[in-house]
């Protein structure tokens, strides 16, 4: 078992914050998005793609507004990922939001 952290500065383009490695499963224990802009709200979307289901998309939050200086949690109670699954995100403006992801990886 290994604890891993990932982070991503969000942009207006979809980007991967975390990809579960081959031969592993990962329990996402925390995923949060913080608005780091001092005056503007950030609108964020976070989703996971399921590699075993043709990269089906499941949104964890959709066009959610995060006020300046605040953060939101987008995973409650854990989320299990399998090899190739991804946590992805985008925001309304580049540089306004940052995402943190904590996972526990173990051999599949």
N, C-alpha and C. Protein backbone atom coordinates (compact mmCIF):
# COMPACT_ATOMS: atom_id res chain seq x y z
N UNK A 1 0.83 -1.17 0.00
CA UNK A 1 0.00 0.00 0.00
C UNK A 1 0.88 1.24 0.00
N UNK A 2 0.47 2.23 -0.76
CA UNK A 2 1.24 3.47 -0.82
C UNK A 2 0.29 4.66 -0.86
N UNK A 3 0.61 5.66 -0.08
CA UNK A 3 -0.15 6.92 -0.12
C UNK A 3 0.46 7.80 -1.19
N UNK A 4 -0.40 8.40 -2.00
CA UNK A 4 0.05 9.30 -3.06
C UNK A 4 -0.77 10.58 -3.03
N UNK A 5 -0.12 11.67 -3.39
CA UNK A 5 -0.78 12.96 -3.52
C UNK A 5 -0.56 13.46 -4.94
N UNK A 6 -1.58 14.09 -5.47
CA UNK A 6 -1.47 14.71 -6.79
C UNK A 6 -2.06 16.10 -6.70
N UNK A 7 -1.58 16.97 -7.54
CA UNK A 7 -2.12 18.34 -7.57
C UNK A 7 -2.16 18.82 -9.01
N UNK A 8 -3.03 19.77 -9.23
CA UNK A 8 -3.21 20.30 -10.58
C UNK A 8 -3.68 21.74 -10.49
N UNK A 9 -2.99 22.64 -11.19
CA UNK A 9 -3.49 24.00 -11.37
C UNK A 9 -4.47 23.93 -12.54
N UNK A 10 -5.72 24.28 -12.29
CA UNK A 10 -6.75 24.13 -13.31
C UNK A 10 -6.66 25.21 -14.38
N UNK A 11 -6.99 24.81 -15.60
CA UNK A 11 -7.06 25.72 -16.73
C UNK A 11 -8.43 25.54 -17.39
N UNK A 12 -8.64 26.25 -18.47
CA UNK A 12 -9.91 26.13 -19.19
C UNK A 12 -9.97 24.86 -20.03
N UNK A 13 -8.85 24.17 -20.15
CA UNK A 13 -8.81 22.89 -20.88
C UNK A 13 -8.83 21.74 -19.88
N UNK A 14 -9.52 20.67 -20.25
CA UNK A 14 -9.56 19.48 -19.40
C UNK A 14 -8.16 18.92 -19.24
N UNK A 15 -7.82 18.52 -18.02
CA UNK A 15 -6.50 17.96 -17.75
C UNK A 15 -6.62 16.86 -16.71
N UNK A 16 -5.67 15.92 -16.76
CA UNK A 16 -5.62 14.82 -15.81
C UNK A 16 -4.92 15.27 -14.53
N UNK A 17 -5.56 15.02 -13.39
CA UNK A 17 -4.92 15.27 -12.11
C UNK A 17 -4.27 14.00 -11.58
N UNK A 18 -4.91 12.84 -11.86
CA UNK A 18 -4.39 11.57 -11.37
C UNK A 18 -4.85 10.46 -12.30
N UNK A 19 -3.95 9.53 -12.58
CA UNK A 19 -4.28 8.32 -13.34
C UNK A 19 -3.83 7.12 -12.52
N UNK A 20 -4.75 6.18 -12.32
CA UNK A 20 -4.41 4.96 -11.57
C UNK A 20 -3.46 4.11 -12.42
N UNK A 21 -2.30 3.75 -11.85
CA UNK A 21 -1.32 2.99 -12.63
C UNK A 21 -1.77 1.57 -12.95
N UNK A 22 -1.15 0.98 -13.98
CA UNK A 22 -1.40 -0.42 -14.33
C UNK A 22 -1.08 -1.31 -13.13
N UNK A 23 -1.89 -2.34 -12.94
CA UNK A 23 -1.66 -3.30 -11.88
C UNK A 23 -2.02 -2.81 -10.49
N UNK A 24 -2.70 -1.67 -10.40
CA UNK A 24 -3.05 -1.08 -9.10
C UNK A 24 -4.55 -0.78 -9.04
N UNK A 25 -5.04 -0.65 -7.83
CA UNK A 25 -6.31 0.02 -7.57
C UNK A 25 -5.98 1.18 -6.65
N UNK A 26 -6.84 2.18 -6.65
CA UNK A 26 -6.58 3.36 -5.83
C UNK A 26 -7.86 3.80 -5.15
N UNK A 27 -7.76 4.05 -3.87
CA UNK A 27 -8.88 4.61 -3.12
C UNK A 27 -8.63 6.10 -2.99
N UNK A 28 -9.50 6.90 -3.61
CA UNK A 28 -9.40 8.36 -3.49
C UNK A 28 -10.01 8.73 -2.14
N UNK A 29 -9.18 9.23 -1.25
CA UNK A 29 -9.64 9.57 0.09
C UNK A 29 -10.00 11.04 0.22
N UNK A 30 -9.47 11.86 -0.68
CA UNK A 30 -9.76 13.29 -0.66
C UNK A 30 -9.53 13.86 -2.04
N UNK A 31 -10.44 14.70 -2.45
CA UNK A 31 -10.28 15.47 -3.68
C UNK A 31 -10.95 16.81 -3.43
N UNK A 32 -10.17 17.87 -3.47
CA UNK A 32 -10.74 19.18 -3.21
C UNK A 32 -10.22 20.19 -4.22
N UNK A 33 -11.03 21.21 -4.46
CA UNK A 33 -10.66 22.29 -5.35
C UNK A 33 -10.71 23.59 -4.56
N UNK A 34 -9.62 24.34 -4.61
CA UNK A 34 -9.52 25.62 -3.91
C UNK A 34 -9.48 26.76 -4.91
N UNK A 35 -10.19 27.82 -4.61
CA UNK A 35 -10.12 29.03 -5.41
C UNK A 35 -8.98 29.87 -4.86
N UNK A 36 -7.94 30.04 -5.67
CA UNK A 36 -6.76 30.78 -5.23
C UNK A 36 -6.73 32.21 -5.76
N UNK A 37 -7.78 32.60 -6.45
CA UNK A 37 -7.91 33.98 -6.93
C UNK A 37 -8.48 34.82 -5.79
N UNK A 38 -7.92 35.97 -5.57
CA UNK A 38 -8.35 36.81 -4.45
C UNK A 38 -9.66 37.53 -4.63
N UNK A 39 -10.18 37.61 -5.86
CA UNK A 39 -11.39 38.41 -6.04
C UNK A 39 -12.44 37.80 -6.96
N UNK A 40 -12.11 36.80 -7.75
CA UNK A 40 -13.06 36.27 -8.72
C UNK A 40 -13.51 34.85 -8.35
N UNK A 41 -14.80 34.56 -8.50
CA UNK A 41 -15.24 33.19 -8.32
C UNK A 41 -14.68 32.30 -9.43
N UNK A 42 -14.49 31.03 -9.12
CA UNK A 42 -14.05 30.05 -10.12
C UNK A 42 -15.17 29.04 -10.31
N UNK A 43 -15.45 28.72 -11.55
CA UNK A 43 -16.45 27.71 -11.86
C UNK A 43 -15.69 26.47 -12.32
N UNK A 44 -15.87 25.36 -11.60
CA UNK A 44 -15.07 24.17 -11.83
C UNK A 44 -15.94 22.95 -12.15
N UNK A 45 -15.37 22.06 -12.93
CA UNK A 45 -15.98 20.76 -13.21
C UNK A 45 -14.90 19.71 -12.98
N UNK A 46 -15.26 18.67 -12.22
CA UNK A 46 -14.35 17.57 -11.92
C UNK A 46 -15.06 16.27 -12.27
N UNK A 47 -14.35 15.34 -12.90
CA UNK A 47 -14.96 14.07 -13.26
C UNK A 47 -13.92 12.96 -13.23
N UNK A 48 -14.43 11.71 -13.22
CA UNK A 48 -13.54 10.57 -13.38
C UNK A 48 -13.95 9.82 -14.61
N UNK A 49 -12.93 9.25 -15.27
CA UNK A 49 -13.19 8.43 -16.45
C UNK A 49 -12.89 6.99 -16.08
N UNK A 50 -13.79 6.11 -16.50
CA UNK A 50 -13.71 4.68 -16.19
C UNK A 50 -13.11 3.96 -17.39
N UNK A 51 -11.84 3.60 -17.28
CA UNK A 51 -11.12 2.97 -18.39
C UNK A 51 -11.73 1.64 -18.80
N UNK A 52 -12.35 0.92 -17.84
CA UNK A 52 -12.94 -0.38 -18.16
C UNK A 52 -14.30 -0.27 -18.82
N UNK A 53 -14.82 0.96 -18.96
CA UNK A 53 -16.12 1.19 -19.59
C UNK A 53 -15.98 2.21 -20.72
N UNK A 54 -14.99 2.00 -21.57
CA UNK A 54 -14.75 2.89 -22.72
C UNK A 54 -14.60 4.36 -22.31
N UNK A 55 -13.93 4.57 -21.17
CA UNK A 55 -13.69 5.91 -20.64
C UNK A 55 -14.98 6.69 -20.38
N UNK A 56 -15.99 5.97 -19.88
CA UNK A 56 -17.24 6.62 -19.49
C UNK A 56 -16.94 7.71 -18.46
N UNK A 57 -17.66 8.82 -18.56
CA UNK A 57 -17.45 9.97 -17.69
C UNK A 57 -18.51 10.00 -16.60
N UNK A 58 -18.04 10.18 -15.36
CA UNK A 58 -18.94 10.42 -14.23
C UNK A 58 -18.50 11.72 -13.58
N UNK A 59 -19.37 12.69 -13.58
CA UNK A 59 -19.03 14.00 -13.02
C UNK A 59 -19.14 13.96 -11.50
N UNK A 60 -18.12 14.49 -10.85
CA UNK A 60 -18.12 14.61 -9.40
C UNK A 60 -18.64 15.97 -8.97
N UNK A 61 -18.45 16.97 -9.81
CA UNK A 61 -19.11 18.27 -9.68
C UNK A 61 -19.17 18.88 -11.08
N UNK A 62 -20.22 19.61 -11.35
CA UNK A 62 -20.44 20.16 -12.70
C UNK A 62 -20.73 21.65 -12.60
N UNK A 63 -19.86 22.44 -13.19
CA UNK A 63 -20.04 23.90 -13.21
C UNK A 63 -20.36 24.44 -11.81
N UNK A 64 -19.55 24.03 -10.86
CA UNK A 64 -19.75 24.43 -9.47
C UNK A 64 -18.93 25.68 -9.17
N UNK A 65 -19.57 26.68 -8.59
CA UNK A 65 -18.89 27.93 -8.27
C UNK A 65 -18.19 27.82 -6.92
N UNK A 66 -16.91 28.19 -6.93
CA UNK A 66 -16.12 28.24 -5.70
C UNK A 66 -15.77 29.71 -5.48
N UNK A 67 -16.21 30.25 -4.36
CA UNK A 67 -15.98 31.67 -4.11
C UNK A 67 -14.50 31.92 -3.79
N UNK A 68 -14.03 33.16 -3.98
CA UNK A 68 -12.62 33.46 -3.72
C UNK A 68 -12.20 33.09 -2.30
N UNK A 69 -11.04 32.44 -2.20
CA UNK A 69 -10.49 32.08 -0.91
C UNK A 69 -11.15 30.86 -0.26
N UNK A 70 -12.05 30.19 -0.97
CA UNK A 70 -12.75 29.04 -0.41
C UNK A 70 -12.34 27.77 -1.15
N UNK A 71 -12.81 26.62 -0.65
CA UNK A 71 -12.53 25.34 -1.28
C UNK A 71 -13.77 24.46 -1.18
N UNK A 72 -13.88 23.50 -2.10
CA UNK A 72 -14.96 22.52 -2.03
C UNK A 72 -14.37 21.12 -2.07
N UNK A 73 -15.04 20.20 -1.40
CA UNK A 73 -14.67 18.80 -1.46
C UNK A 73 -15.54 18.14 -2.52
N UNK A 74 -14.92 17.39 -3.43
CA UNK A 74 -15.70 16.77 -4.50
C UNK A 74 -15.78 15.25 -4.37
N UNK A 75 -15.13 14.68 -3.36
CA UNK A 75 -15.25 13.25 -3.07
C UNK A 75 -15.59 13.11 -1.60
N UNK A 76 -16.70 12.45 -1.31
CA UNK A 76 -17.11 12.19 0.07
C UNK A 76 -17.25 10.69 0.24
N UNK A 77 -16.54 10.14 1.20
CA UNK A 77 -16.67 8.72 1.48
C UNK A 77 -15.79 7.82 0.66
N UNK A 78 -14.99 8.35 -0.23
CA UNK A 78 -14.06 7.56 -1.02
C UNK A 78 -14.58 7.18 -2.38
N UNK A 79 -13.66 6.93 -3.29
CA UNK A 79 -13.94 6.54 -4.66
C UNK A 79 -12.85 5.56 -5.07
N UNK A 80 -13.23 4.38 -5.54
CA UNK A 80 -12.25 3.37 -5.93
C UNK A 80 -12.00 3.46 -7.43
N UNK A 81 -10.72 3.59 -7.78
CA UNK A 81 -10.32 3.63 -9.18
C UNK A 81 -9.55 2.37 -9.52
N UNK A 82 -9.68 1.95 -10.77
CA UNK A 82 -8.93 0.81 -11.28
C UNK A 82 -7.92 1.30 -12.31
N UNK A 83 -7.02 0.42 -12.71
CA UNK A 83 -5.96 0.80 -13.64
C UNK A 83 -6.51 1.55 -14.84
N UNK A 84 -5.91 2.69 -15.14
CA UNK A 84 -6.30 3.51 -16.28
C UNK A 84 -7.37 4.53 -15.99
N UNK A 85 -8.10 4.39 -14.87
CA UNK A 85 -9.11 5.39 -14.51
C UNK A 85 -8.41 6.71 -14.18
N UNK A 86 -9.11 7.81 -14.46
CA UNK A 86 -8.51 9.14 -14.26
C UNK A 86 -9.44 10.06 -13.51
N UNK A 87 -8.85 10.98 -12.76
CA UNK A 87 -9.55 12.13 -12.21
C UNK A 87 -9.12 13.31 -13.07
N UNK A 88 -10.12 14.01 -13.65
CA UNK A 88 -9.84 15.12 -14.57
C UNK A 88 -10.60 16.36 -14.11
N UNK A 89 -10.16 17.53 -14.56
CA UNK A 89 -10.83 18.76 -14.15
C UNK A 89 -10.56 19.89 -15.13
N UNK A 90 -11.42 20.89 -15.04
CA UNK A 90 -11.23 22.15 -15.77
C UNK A 90 -11.89 23.27 -14.97
N UNK A 91 -11.57 24.50 -15.33
CA UNK A 91 -12.12 25.66 -14.64
C UNK A 91 -12.49 26.74 -15.64
N UNK A 92 -13.22 27.73 -15.16
CA UNK A 92 -13.69 28.81 -16.02
C UNK A 92 -12.58 29.76 -16.43
N UNK A 93 -11.51 29.81 -15.66
CA UNK A 93 -10.39 30.69 -15.97
C UNK A 93 -9.09 30.02 -15.52
N UNK A 94 -8.06 30.19 -16.31
CA UNK A 94 -6.75 29.63 -15.97
C UNK A 94 -6.17 30.37 -14.77
N UNK A 95 -5.66 29.61 -13.80
CA UNK A 95 -4.98 30.19 -12.66
C UNK A 95 -5.86 30.54 -11.49
N UNK A 96 -7.17 30.33 -11.58
CA UNK A 96 -8.06 30.68 -10.48
C UNK A 96 -8.27 29.55 -9.48
N UNK A 97 -7.98 28.30 -9.87
CA UNK A 97 -8.29 27.17 -8.99
C UNK A 97 -7.18 26.12 -9.04
N UNK A 98 -7.01 25.45 -7.90
CA UNK A 98 -6.05 24.36 -7.78
C UNK A 98 -6.76 23.16 -7.16
N UNK A 99 -6.40 21.96 -7.63
CA UNK A 99 -7.02 20.75 -7.12
C UNK A 99 -5.97 19.89 -6.43
N UNK A 100 -6.37 19.29 -5.30
CA UNK A 100 -5.53 18.35 -4.57
C UNK A 100 -6.26 17.01 -4.51
N UNK A 101 -5.51 15.93 -4.75
CA UNK A 101 -6.07 14.58 -4.71
C UNK A 101 -5.16 13.72 -3.84
N UNK A 102 -5.75 12.99 -2.90
CA UNK A 102 -5.02 12.03 -2.07
C UNK A 102 -5.57 10.65 -2.35
N UNK A 103 -4.68 9.68 -2.59
CA UNK A 103 -5.11 8.32 -2.87
C UNK A 103 -4.24 7.33 -2.09
N UNK A 104 -4.83 6.15 -1.88
CA UNK A 104 -4.08 5.01 -1.35
C UNK A 104 -4.08 3.96 -2.46
N UNK A 105 -2.87 3.67 -2.96
CA UNK A 105 -2.73 2.68 -4.03
C UNK A 105 -2.35 1.33 -3.45
N UNK A 106 -2.89 0.27 -4.05
CA UNK A 106 -2.46 -1.07 -3.69
C UNK A 106 -2.49 -1.95 -4.93
N UNK A 107 -1.78 -3.07 -4.86
CA UNK A 107 -1.74 -3.99 -5.99
C UNK A 107 -3.13 -4.55 -6.25
N UNK A 108 -3.47 -4.64 -7.53
CA UNK A 108 -4.79 -5.14 -7.92
C UNK A 108 -4.87 -6.65 -7.71
